[in-house]
Amino acid sequence: MKIAIGSDHAGFGLKEDVLELLKGLNHDIVDCGTYNTESVDYPDFGEKVSKMVAAGEVERGILICGTGLGMSMVANKFPNVRAAVCNDLFSAKMSRLHNDANVLVLGGRIIGKDLAAEIVRTWMSTAFEGDRHMRRLNKIKKIEETLNGNDR
């Protein structure tokens, strides 16, 4: 699977750990930065990853900032992006199973390396359940289209 990953300075260390995990799982990774711990603005990296997901250039994205909150706000501005902050295993599983989340957002100052690895494994391996949940995603899509003036 092709996955874009990005972080700000607060998520850099965890991003590097997640990168190694994903490579070990044989995924094709696009590293959108940042590439060190110097202070940067999280919207720049959230935008890079989210644009790729929205355009279908990658199948999924992973974003990491201090809490995950800022990156999720950025990501969910893009059409066809369903970003979920998941700092626990249950949220990771349900974000895929019921919401078909295509961007995972992690809080680099909230969770540690081991928990992050389990969250990523769970999120990557959980399939969308479809059925009644598809109806709900279609309603979200309709809201997106209405807000973007594409509801004709």
Protein backbone atom coordinates (compact mmCIF):
# COMPACT_ATOMS: atom_id res chain seq x y z
CA MET A 1 0.00 0.00 0.00
CA LYS A 2 1.23 3.52 -0.78
CA ILE A 3 1.13 5.75 2.30
CA ALA A 4 2.09 9.41 2.80
CA ILE A 5 3.37 10.39 6.22
CA GLY A 6 4.09 13.79 7.70
CA SER A 7 4.70 15.46 11.02
CA ASP A 8 5.66 18.70 12.65
CA HIS A 9 8.62 19.05 15.03
CA ALA A 10 6.62 17.68 17.98
CA GLY A 11 5.80 14.52 16.05
CA PHE A 12 9.15 14.05 14.32
CA GLY A 13 10.54 11.36 16.63
CA LEU A 14 7.39 9.28 16.50
CA LYS A 15 7.19 9.77 12.72
CA GLU A 16 10.64 8.23 12.36
CA ASP A 17 9.54 5.23 14.45
CA VAL A 18 6.34 4.78 12.42
CA LEU A 19 8.32 5.07 9.17
CA GLU A 20 10.52 2.16 10.20
CA LEU A 21 7.48 0.09 11.16
CA LEU A 22 5.76 0.76 7.82
CA LYS A 23 8.89 -0.06 5.86
CA GLY A 24 9.13 -3.32 7.81
CA LEU A 25 5.55 -4.09 6.75
CA ASN A 26 6.63 -3.53 3.11
CA HIS A 27 4.53 -0.46 2.42
CA ASP A 28 5.53 2.15 -0.16
CA ILE A 29 6.12 5.31 1.87
CA VAL A 30 6.16 8.97 0.83
CA ASP A 31 7.84 11.00 3.60
CA CYS A 32 6.42 14.54 3.42
CA GLY A 33 8.55 15.85 6.28
CA THR A 34 9.47 17.44 8.56
CA TYR A 35 12.96 16.03 8.66
CA ASN A 36 14.22 17.27 12.05
CA THR A 37 13.06 18.80 15.36
CA GLU A 38 13.37 22.45 14.34
CA SER A 39 10.12 24.32 14.93
CA VAL A 40 7.75 24.26 11.94
CA ASP A 41 4.06 24.90 11.30
CA TYR A 42 1.95 21.73 11.31
CA PRO A 43 -0.52 22.94 8.63
CA ASP A 44 2.25 22.81 6.01
CA PHE A 45 2.78 19.08 6.52
CA GLY A 46 -0.87 18.26 7.09
CA GLU A 47 -1.64 19.90 3.76
CA LYS A 48 1.02 17.93 1.86
CA VAL A 49 -0.24 14.55 3.07
CA SER A 50 -3.94 15.43 2.81
CA LYS A 51 -3.62 16.71 -0.76
CA MET A 52 -2.06 13.41 -1.77
CA VAL A 53 -4.85 11.40 -0.12
CA ALA A 54 -7.57 13.66 -1.56
CA ALA A 55 -6.12 13.34 -5.07
CA GLY A 56 -5.79 9.56 -4.82
CA GLU A 57 -2.00 9.71 -5.19
CA VAL A 58 -1.71 7.54 -2.07
CA GLU A 59 -4.17 5.14 -0.50
CA ARG A 60 -3.74 6.41 3.05
CA GLY A 61 -1.95 9.01 5.12
CA ILE A 62 -0.50 9.27 8.60
CA LEU A 63 0.00 12.60 10.34
CA ILE A 64 1.70 13.26 13.67
CA CYS A 65 1.85 16.44 15.73
CA GLY A 66 1.98 17.09 19.47
CA THR A 67 -1.61 16.12 20.24
CA GLY A 68 -2.95 15.10 16.84
CA LEU A 69 -5.63 17.75 17.06
CA GLY A 70 -4.10 20.39 14.79
CA MET A 71 -3.23 17.91 12.07
CA SER A 72 -6.74 16.44 12.14
CA MET A 73 -8.24 19.90 11.72
CA VAL A 74 -6.08 20.50 8.65
CA ALA A 75 -6.66 17.07 7.11
CA ASN A 76 -10.43 17.17 7.42
CA LYS A 77 -10.58 20.35 5.32
CA PHE A 78 -9.80 18.28 2.21
CA PRO A 79 -12.48 16.50 0.17
CA ASN A 80 -12.46 12.72 0.39
CA VAL A 81 -10.25 12.81 3.48
CA ARG A 82 -11.55 11.15 6.62
CA ALA A 83 -8.92 11.81 9.26
CA ALA A 84 -9.20 10.32 12.73
CA VAL A 85 -7.15 11.10 15.82
CA CYS A 86 -6.42 7.70 17.35
CA ASN A 87 -4.40 7.58 20.53
CA ASP A 88 -5.83 4.19 21.55
CA LEU A 89 -6.45 0.83 19.89
CA PHE A 90 -10.27 0.94 20.01
CA SER A 91 -10.40 4.28 18.17
CA ALA A 92 -7.95 3.00 15.56
CA LYS A 93 -10.05 -0.10 14.92
CA MET A 94 -13.38 1.73 14.82
CA SER A 95 -12.07 4.56 12.63
CA ARG A 96 -11.42 1.98 9.92
CA LEU A 97 -14.26 -0.46 10.61
CA HIS A 98 -17.10 2.10 10.74
CA ASN A 99 -15.66 5.30 9.24
CA ASP A 100 -13.25 4.06 6.57
CA ALA A 101 -10.71 6.59 7.85
CA ASN A 102 -7.98 7.13 5.27
CA VAL A 103 -5.76 9.37 7.41
CA LEU A 104 -4.53 8.30 10.82
CA VAL A 105 -3.53 11.12 13.15
CA LEU A 106 -1.36 10.49 16.20
CA GLY A 107 -0.31 12.65 19.13
CA GLY A 108 3.46 12.49 19.43
CA ARG A 109 3.34 13.99 22.93
CA ILE A 110 0.42 11.78 23.98
CA ILE A 111 1.49 8.24 23.13
CA GLY A 112 4.75 6.34 23.14
CA LYS A 113 6.51 4.33 20.46
CA ASP A 114 5.09 0.92 21.45
CA LEU A 115 1.47 2.04 21.63
CA ALA A 116 1.87 3.96 18.37
CA ALA A 117 3.15 0.80 16.68
CA GLU A 118 0.11 -1.18 17.87
CA ILE A 119 -2.25 1.60 16.76
CA VAL A 120 -0.66 1.72 13.30
CA ARG A 121 -0.77 -2.08 12.95
CA THR A 122 -4.42 -2.14 14.01
CA TRP A 123 -5.38 0.75 11.73
CA MET A 124 -3.54 -0.69 8.74
CA SER A 125 -5.00 -4.18 9.14
CA THR A 126 -8.64 -3.29 9.84
CA ALA A 127 -10.95 -3.33 6.82
CA PHE A 128 -13.98 -1.09 6.35
CA GLU A 129 -17.14 -2.96 7.26
CA GLY A 130 -19.28 -1.18 4.64
CA ASP A 131 -23.02 -1.93 4.72
CA ARG A 132 -24.89 0.53 6.96
CA HIS A 133 -21.71 2.54 7.44
CA MET A 134 -21.51 3.30 3.71
CA ARG A 135 -24.84 5.10 3.97
CA ARG A 136 -23.34 7.36 6.62
CA LEU A 137 -20.20 8.05 4.61
CA ASN A 138 -22.40 9.00 1.65
CA LYS A 139 -24.09 11.57 3.88
CA ILE A 140 -20.69 13.03 4.77
CA LYS A 141 -19.83 13.13 1.06
CA LYS A 142 -23.09 15.00 0.36
CA ILE A 143 -22.22 17.58 3.04
CA GLU A 144 -18.77 18.01 1.46
CA GLU A 145 -20.31 18.52 -1.97
CA THR A 146 -22.82 21.04 -0.64
CA LEU A 147 -20.14 23.04 1.16
CA ASN A 148 -17.90 23.03 -1.91
CA GLY A 149 -20.71 24.10 -4.23
CA ASN A 150 -20.74 20.79 -6.08
CA ASP A 151 -24.25 19.72 -5.13
CA ARG A 152 -25.72 20.24 -8.58
